[in-house]
Amino acid sequence: MAMGKMSRSCLLLLTFLSCFSVIAFSWQQPRPETVDLAYHMGPVLTSPVNVYTIWYGHWEAAPQGIIRDFLLSLSAPSPSPSVADWWRTVRLYTDQTGSNVTGSFVLAGELHDSTYSHGAALSRLAIQSVIRSAVAAHPQPLPLDPRNGLYLVLTSPDVEVEDFCREVCGFHYFTFPAVVGVTVPYAWVGHSGSQCPGMCAFPFALPEYMVGVRNASGGGVRALGAPNRDVGADGMVSVIAHELAETSSDPLINAWYAGDDPAAPAEIADLCVGVYGSGAGSGYVGSVFKGSQGEAYNLHGVNGRRFLVQWVWNPVKRTCFGPNAMD
């Protein structure tokens, strides 16, 4: 999701992540003939990416470990279907030279902003100021890396961000030289565990309007089990995956997106919100795996981790696709 955009895929033209949970129960995979995804001649991230993570606020070690293992899994081998397998769909996108999106990610640095350097309530633009502070921090700043850097700002459960839980669960954009000093891609994702799990940690939590709703067989609709038993962190993983896929294929909001308005692009993950497996639609997330404790997942990662990550649009198959597909 690009900063401030309106997704054309959302019902009733609601903003994309404001209908994150709504679409989960009403989403239908788009028909190929209705998707006008096009390349707009801008760059994609073709070089190896250095990921710089900024942990803003108060973070416990356990959720950090879940998220860190997901990021490590983007390039590391894991049992199939793996996170790296999932990323192969993103790699199908190319720039005007024919170069593909990179498959190489390095966790190049982390900074813990546990002092809430810009307060516990942030505007969207303030996320760039958080990055500026991180690259100027004393005594160990993050590198300012305009060539290969991607900055990932993750806010803790007690941090409020403008439009978080109302319109967005995360977004990506690029920094302004007037704020950070250079133009570099970044993404922000919030921890929704205590603020809005039914919206931003779906399908591991249900929105209020779904509590008590009966399904087609007469039973109650239930949330799925979180694969790492952490609703907030497991929910963040899928949003992080969503934003990384779009940051890599549309870093400056002038590369791969559907629609005619660059201020309101529908990017490659927007087209597949709520789709996690084959047969997804009408409130069904699709065919996914279940662990012995009822935890739902569709991907394997490093260190024995399992993750549930939404699919992205495959430009070759012209449909939403993931490595756990049954066909």
Protein backbone atom coordinates (compact mmCIF):
# COMPACT_ATOMS: atom_id res chain seq x y z
CA MET A 1 0.00 0.00 0.00
CA ALA A 2 1.47 3.31 -1.08
CA MET A 3 1.23 6.19 1.37
CA GLY A 4 -2.17 7.80 1.08
CA LYS A 5 -3.44 5.79 -1.85
CA MET A 6 -6.97 4.54 -2.39
CA SER A 7 -7.27 0.90 -3.49
CA ARG A 8 -9.52 0.35 -6.48
CA SER A 9 -9.96 -3.24 -5.33
CA CYS A 10 -11.81 -2.39 -2.14
CA LEU A 11 -15.55 -2.68 -2.09
CA LEU A 12 -17.40 0.63 -1.98
CA LEU A 13 -14.06 2.34 -2.66
CA LEU A 14 -13.06 2.10 0.98
CA THR A 15 -9.36 2.72 1.55
CA PHE A 16 -7.37 -0.46 1.23
CA LEU A 17 -6.41 -1.38 4.74
CA SER A 18 -9.52 0.11 6.24
CA CYS A 19 -11.30 -2.73 4.52
CA PHE A 20 -8.64 -5.29 5.36
CA SER A 21 -11.01 -7.25 7.58
CA VAL A 22 -14.08 -6.47 5.47
CA ILE A 23 -12.50 -7.86 2.34
CA ALA A 24 -11.43 -10.93 4.23
CA PHE A 25 -15.09 -11.89 4.38
CA SER A 26 -16.27 -10.53 1.03
CA TRP A 27 -13.19 -10.78 -1.16
CA GLN A 28 -13.30 -12.52 -4.51
CA GLN A 29 -10.16 -13.01 -6.56
CA PRO A 30 -10.30 -10.53 -9.44
CA ARG A 31 -10.91 -11.90 -12.92
CA PRO A 32 -7.87 -11.42 -15.17
CA GLU A 33 -9.80 -9.32 -17.65
CA THR A 34 -10.70 -6.81 -14.91
CA VAL A 35 -7.10 -6.20 -13.77
CA ASP A 36 -5.30 -3.44 -15.64
CA LEU A 37 -1.93 -3.90 -13.96
CA ALA A 38 0.67 -2.09 -16.03
CA TYR A 39 4.30 -1.01 -15.92
CA HIS A 40 4.78 2.77 -15.75
CA MET A 41 8.52 2.83 -16.56
CA GLY A 42 9.80 3.54 -13.06
CA PRO A 43 12.51 1.56 -11.23
CA VAL A 44 12.07 -1.64 -9.27
CA LEU A 45 14.51 -2.90 -6.64
CA THR A 46 16.87 -5.05 -8.71
CA SER A 47 20.03 -4.82 -6.59
CA PRO A 48 20.53 -6.76 -3.34
CA VAL A 49 18.58 -5.01 -0.60
CA ASN A 50 19.97 -4.01 2.77
CA VAL A 51 17.07 -3.99 5.23
CA TYR A 52 17.45 -1.59 8.16
CA THR A 53 14.87 -2.25 10.85
CA ILE A 54 13.86 0.44 13.31
CA TRP A 55 12.06 -0.97 16.36
CA TYR A 56 10.16 2.07 17.56
CA GLY A 57 8.78 1.98 21.11
CA HIS A 58 8.81 -0.85 23.62
CA TRP A 59 9.36 -4.27 22.09
CA GLU A 60 9.53 -7.70 23.69
CA ALA A 61 12.07 -10.20 22.38
CA ALA A 62 9.52 -12.83 21.26
CA PRO A 63 7.66 -10.79 18.60
CA GLN A 64 10.96 -9.37 17.40
CA GLY A 65 12.20 -12.92 16.88
CA ILE A 66 9.15 -13.86 14.81
CA ILE A 67 9.50 -10.83 12.53
CA ARG A 68 13.27 -11.15 12.26
CA ASP A 69 12.97 -14.80 11.23
CA PHE A 70 10.46 -13.85 8.55
CA LEU A 71 12.84 -11.28 7.10
CA LEU A 72 15.69 -13.79 7.17
CA SER A 73 13.45 -16.29 5.36
CA LEU A 74 13.09 -14.07 2.29
CA SER A 75 16.46 -15.22 0.96
CA ALA A 76 17.25 -18.30 3.03
CA PRO A 77 16.37 -21.90 2.09
CA SER A 78 13.49 -23.47 4.03
CA PRO A 79 11.22 -26.47 3.48
CA SER A 80 8.73 -26.00 0.66
CA PRO A 81 6.46 -24.13 0.38
CA SER A 82 8.79 -21.49 1.76
CA VAL A 83 8.90 -17.72 2.16
CA ALA A 84 11.60 -17.64 -0.51
CA ASP A 85 9.27 -19.62 -2.81
CA TRP A 86 6.57 -17.01 -2.17
CA TRP A 87 8.99 -14.22 -3.09
CA ARG A 88 9.61 -15.81 -6.50
CA THR A 89 6.29 -14.37 -7.66
CA VAL A 90 7.48 -10.87 -6.73
CA ARG A 91 10.69 -11.55 -8.66
CA LEU A 92 8.70 -11.91 -11.89
CA TYR A 93 8.37 -8.11 -12.04
CA THR A 94 11.02 -6.32 -14.10
CA ASP A 95 12.20 -2.82 -14.93
CA GLN A 96 12.54 -1.34 -18.43
CA THR A 97 15.91 -3.10 -18.91
CA GLY A 98 14.32 -6.48 -18.20
CA SER A 99 16.05 -6.84 -14.82
CA ASN A 100 14.00 -8.68 -12.22
CA VAL A 101 13.18 -7.66 -8.67
CA THR A 102 15.97 -8.90 -6.42
CA GLY A 103 15.82 -12.08 -4.41
CA SER A 104 18.64 -11.04 -2.09
CA PHE A 105 17.85 -9.47 1.29
CA VAL A 106 20.37 -8.81 4.03
CA LEU A 107 19.39 -7.71 7.53
CA ALA A 108 22.04 -5.03 7.51
CA GLY A 109 21.20 -3.18 10.70
CA GLU A 110 18.75 -2.62 13.54
CA LEU A 111 18.09 0.29 15.82
CA HIS A 112 15.96 0.22 18.96
CA ASP A 113 14.24 3.56 19.48
CA SER A 114 12.97 2.69 22.94
CA THR A 115 12.92 6.36 24.02
CA TYR A 116 10.06 7.16 21.61
CA SER A 117 12.21 9.90 20.05
CA HIS A 118 9.19 11.45 18.30
CA GLY A 119 6.56 10.61 20.88
CA ALA A 120 3.99 7.85 21.21
CA ALA A 121 1.64 9.39 18.61
CA LEU A 122 3.06 9.78 15.11
CA SER A 123 1.80 11.36 11.91
CA ARG A 124 2.48 9.58 8.65
CA LEU A 125 5.16 12.10 7.74
CA ALA A 126 6.78 11.64 11.16
CA ILE A 127 7.81 8.13 10.10
CA GLN A 128 10.41 9.83 7.89
CA SER A 129 11.62 11.81 10.89
CA VAL A 130 12.03 8.55 12.79
CA ILE A 131 14.31 7.36 9.97
CA ARG A 132 16.22 10.66 10.05
CA SER A 133 16.80 10.24 13.78
CA ALA A 134 17.93 6.64 13.30
CA VAL A 135 20.61 7.56 10.76
CA ALA A 136 21.80 10.38 13.02
CA ALA A 137 21.63 8.48 16.32
CA HIS A 138 24.60 8.61 18.70
CA PRO A 139 26.74 6.62 19.21
CA GLN A 140 25.61 3.91 16.74
CA PRO A 141 23.48 5.29 13.90
CA LEU A 142 22.07 3.25 11.08
CA PRO A 143 23.87 3.83 7.78
CA LEU A 144 22.27 6.21 5.33
CA ASP A 145 22.15 3.86 2.34
CA PRO A 146 20.49 5.41 -0.75
CA ARG A 147 21.95 2.78 -3.11
CA ASN A 148 20.72 -0.45 -1.53
CA GLY A 149 18.85 0.53 1.61
CA LEU A 150 15.25 -0.19 2.55
CA TYR A 151 14.15 1.13 5.93
CA LEU A 152 11.48 -0.76 7.83
CA VAL A 153 9.88 1.14 10.71
CA LEU A 154 7.93 -1.09 13.10
CA THR A 155 5.93 0.54 15.89
CA SER A 156 5.14 -1.24 19.14
CA PRO A 157 1.62 -1.95 20.44
CA ASP A 158 1.44 1.26 22.47
CA VAL A 159 2.33 3.62 19.62
CA GLU A 160 -0.46 5.40 17.75
CA VAL A 161 0.11 6.30 14.11
CA GLU A 162 -2.08 8.56 11.99
CA ASP A 163 -4.88 6.51 10.39
CA PHE A 164 -3.62 3.26 11.98
CA CYS A 165 -6.54 0.92 12.68
CA ARG A 166 -8.87 3.22 10.75
CA GLU A 167 -7.47 3.40 7.23
CA VAL A 168 -4.14 1.59 7.29
CA CYS A 169 -2.22 -1.27 8.89
CA GLY A 170 0.96 -0.30 7.07
CA PHE A 171 2.21 1.66 4.08
CA HIS A 172 5.31 2.19 1.96
CA TYR A 173 6.70 5.27 0.29
CA PHE A 174 10.04 7.01 -0.26
CA THR A 175 11.82 9.55 1.89
CA PHE A 176 12.03 13.23 1.02
CA PRO A 177 15.56 14.69 0.78
CA ALA A 178 14.37 17.70 2.77
CA VAL A 179 13.62 15.37 5.70
CA VAL A 180 16.12 12.52 5.51
CA GLY A 181 18.73 13.94 3.13
CA VAL A 182 18.22 11.40 0.34
CA THR A 183 15.46 9.53 -1.44
CA VAL A 184 15.26 5.96 -0.22
CA PRO A 185 12.36 3.48 -0.02
CA TYR A 186 10.81 2.70 3.33
CA ALA A 187 7.84 0.94 4.84
CA TRP A 188 5.99 1.24 8.12
CA VAL A 189 3.88 -1.42 9.84
CA GLY A 190 2.17 -1.13 13.23
CA HIS A 191 1.67 -3.80 15.89
CA SER A 192 -2.09 -4.16 16.18
CA GLY A 193 -2.26 -6.72 18.99
CA SER A 194 -3.88 -4.40 21.51
CA GLN A 195 -5.28 -1.67 19.23
CA CYS A 196 -7.13 -3.42 16.39
CA PRO A 197 -6.33 -7.12 15.97
CA GLY A 198 -9.66 -7.76 14.23
CA MET A 199 -8.65 -5.36 11.50
CA CYS A 200 -4.89 -5.63 11.10
CA ALA A 201 -4.21 -9.13 12.48
CA PHE A 202 -6.96 -10.90 10.54
CA PRO A 203 -7.46 -13.86 10.18
CA PHE A 204 -5.97 -14.49 13.64
CA ALA A 205 -8.61 -12.22 15.18
CA LEU A 206 -12.10 -11.27 14.06
CA PRO A 207 -13.58 -7.79 13.71
CA GLU A 208 -16.38 -7.09 16.17
CA TYR A 209 -19.13 -7.36 13.58
CA MET A 210 -18.11 -10.97 12.84
CA VAL A 211 -18.21 -12.20 16.43
CA GLY A 212 -21.18 -14.58 16.75
CA VAL A 213 -21.79 -14.79 13.00
CA ARG A 214 -22.73 -18.25 11.73
CA ASN A 215 -21.03 -19.81 8.74
CA ALA A 216 -22.67 -21.83 5.96
CA SER A 217 -22.64 -25.04 8.01
CA GLY A 218 -24.29 -23.35 10.96
CA GLY A 219 -21.26 -23.10 13.17
CA GLY A 220 -19.73 -19.92 14.48
CA VAL A 221 -17.07 -18.14 12.44
CA ARG A 222 -13.77 -18.55 14.22
CA ALA A 223 -10.41 -16.87 13.96
CA LEU A 224 -7.52 -19.00 12.76
CA GLY A 225 -4.73 -19.98 15.09
CA ALA A 226 -1.61 -17.82 14.82
CA PRO A 227 1.31 -19.94 13.55
CA ASN A 228 3.72 -18.58 16.16
CA ARG A 229 1.06 -18.09 18.84
CA ASP A 230 1.37 -14.31 18.73
CA VAL A 231 -1.65 -12.67 17.11
CA GLY A 232 -0.05 -9.24 16.87
CA ALA A 233 3.34 -10.31 15.50
CA ASP A 234 1.91 -12.98 13.19
CA GLY A 235 -0.52 -10.40 11.85
CA MET A 236 2.34 -7.98 11.27
CA VAL A 237 4.24 -10.56 9.23
CA SER A 238 1.61 -10.66 6.49
CA VAL A 239 1.38 -6.86 6.38
CA ILE A 240 5.19 -6.62 6.25
CA ALA A 241 5.22 -9.12 3.38
CA HIS A 242 2.55 -7.07 1.60
CA GLU A 243 4.52 -3.85 1.94
CA LEU A 244 7.88 -5.38 0.99
CA ALA A 245 6.38 -6.86 -2.17
CA GLU A 246 4.99 -3.49 -3.19
CA THR A 247 8.07 -1.53 -2.13
CA SER A 248 10.21 -3.79 -4.31
CA SER A 249 7.95 -3.63 -7.37
CA ASP A 250 6.90 0.02 -7.02
CA PRO A 251 9.41 1.85 -4.81
CA LEU A 252 8.80 5.35 -6.19
CA ILE A 253 5.10 4.81 -7.01
CA ASN A 254 5.83 4.92 -10.73
CA ALA A 255 6.46 1.29 -11.66
CA TRP A 256 3.96 -1.58 -11.30
CA TYR A 257 0.38 -0.76 -10.37
CA ALA A 258 -3.16 -0.92 -11.71
CA GLY A 259 -5.30 2.13 -12.41
CA ASP A 260 -4.73 5.44 -14.12
CA ASP A 261 -4.13 7.57 -11.04
CA PRO A 262 -0.65 7.28 -9.48
CA ALA A 263 -2.06 8.90 -6.34
CA ALA A 264 -4.37 5.93 -5.94
CA PRO A 265 -2.55 2.88 -7.30
CA ALA A 266 -3.63 -0.70 -6.73
CA GLU A 267 -0.34 -2.52 -6.37
CA ILE A 268 0.55 -6.20 -6.66
CA ALA A 269 -0.45 -7.15 -3.12
CA ASP A 270 -3.54 -4.92 -3.00
CA LEU A 271 -5.05 -7.11 -5.71
CA CYS A 272 -4.92 -10.18 -3.46
CA VAL A 273 -5.93 -8.98 0.01
CA GLY A 274 -7.57 -11.79 1.97
CA VAL A 275 -6.23 -14.53 -0.35
CA TYR A 276 -3.96 -17.05 1.38
CA GLY A 277 -4.69 -20.25 -0.53
CA SER A 278 -6.56 -21.93 -3.35
CA GLY A 279 -10.31 -21.38 -3.43
CA ALA A 280 -10.25 -18.16 -1.40
CA GLY A 281 -13.32 -15.94 -1.53
CA SER A 282 -16.55 -15.02 0.26
CA GLY A 283 -14.90 -15.01 3.65
CA TYR A 284 -12.77 -18.09 3.07
CA VAL A 285 -9.02 -17.41 3.17
CA GLY A 286 -8.30 -20.43 1.00
CA SER A 287 -6.75 -23.81 1.55
CA VAL A 288 -3.98 -23.51 4.13
CA PHE A 289 -2.15 -25.93 6.40
CA LYS A 290 -3.09 -26.59 10.01
CA GLY A 291 -0.63 -27.54 12.74
CA SER A 292 -1.23 -29.91 15.63
CA GLN A 293 -2.43 -27.04 17.83
CA GLY A 294 -4.72 -25.61 15.15
CA GLU A 295 -2.27 -22.97 13.98
CA ALA A 296 -2.79 -21.92 10.35
CA TYR A 297 0.10 -21.39 7.95
CA ASN A 298 0.99 -21.51 4.28
CA LEU A 299 4.76 -20.96 4.31
CA HIS A 300 7.82 -22.35 6.06
CA GLY A 301 10.68 -20.17 7.21
CA VAL A 302 14.04 -20.40 8.92
CA ASN A 303 14.47 -21.83 12.41
CA GLY A 304 11.41 -24.02 12.01
CA ARG A 305 9.08 -21.05 11.74
CA ARG A 306 5.73 -21.13 9.97
CA PHE A 307 3.94 -18.10 8.59
CA LEU A 308 0.58 -17.23 7.06
CA VAL A 309 1.18 -14.69 4.30
CA GLN A 310 -1.27 -13.33 1.73
CA TRP A 311 -0.70 -14.08 -1.94
CA VAL A 312 0.35 -11.52 -4.54
CA TRP A 313 -0.62 -11.01 -8.17
CA ASN A 314 1.32 -13.23 -10.58
CA PRO A 315 1.81 -11.34 -13.87
CA VAL A 316 2.42 -14.54 -15.85
CA LYS A 317 -0.53 -16.57 -14.56
CA ARG A 318 -2.60 -13.38 -14.27
CA THR A 319 -4.07 -14.39 -10.96
CA CYS A 320 -3.29 -14.28 -7.26
CA PHE A 321 -0.75 -16.98 -6.54
CA GLY A 322 1.35 -18.51 -3.79
CA PRO A 323 3.55 -21.60 -3.49
CA ASN A 324 0.89 -23.46 -1.48
CA ALA A 325 -1.47 -23.36 -4.48
CA MET A 326 -3.22 -26.66 -5.12
CA ASP A 327 -3.24 -26.25 -8.92
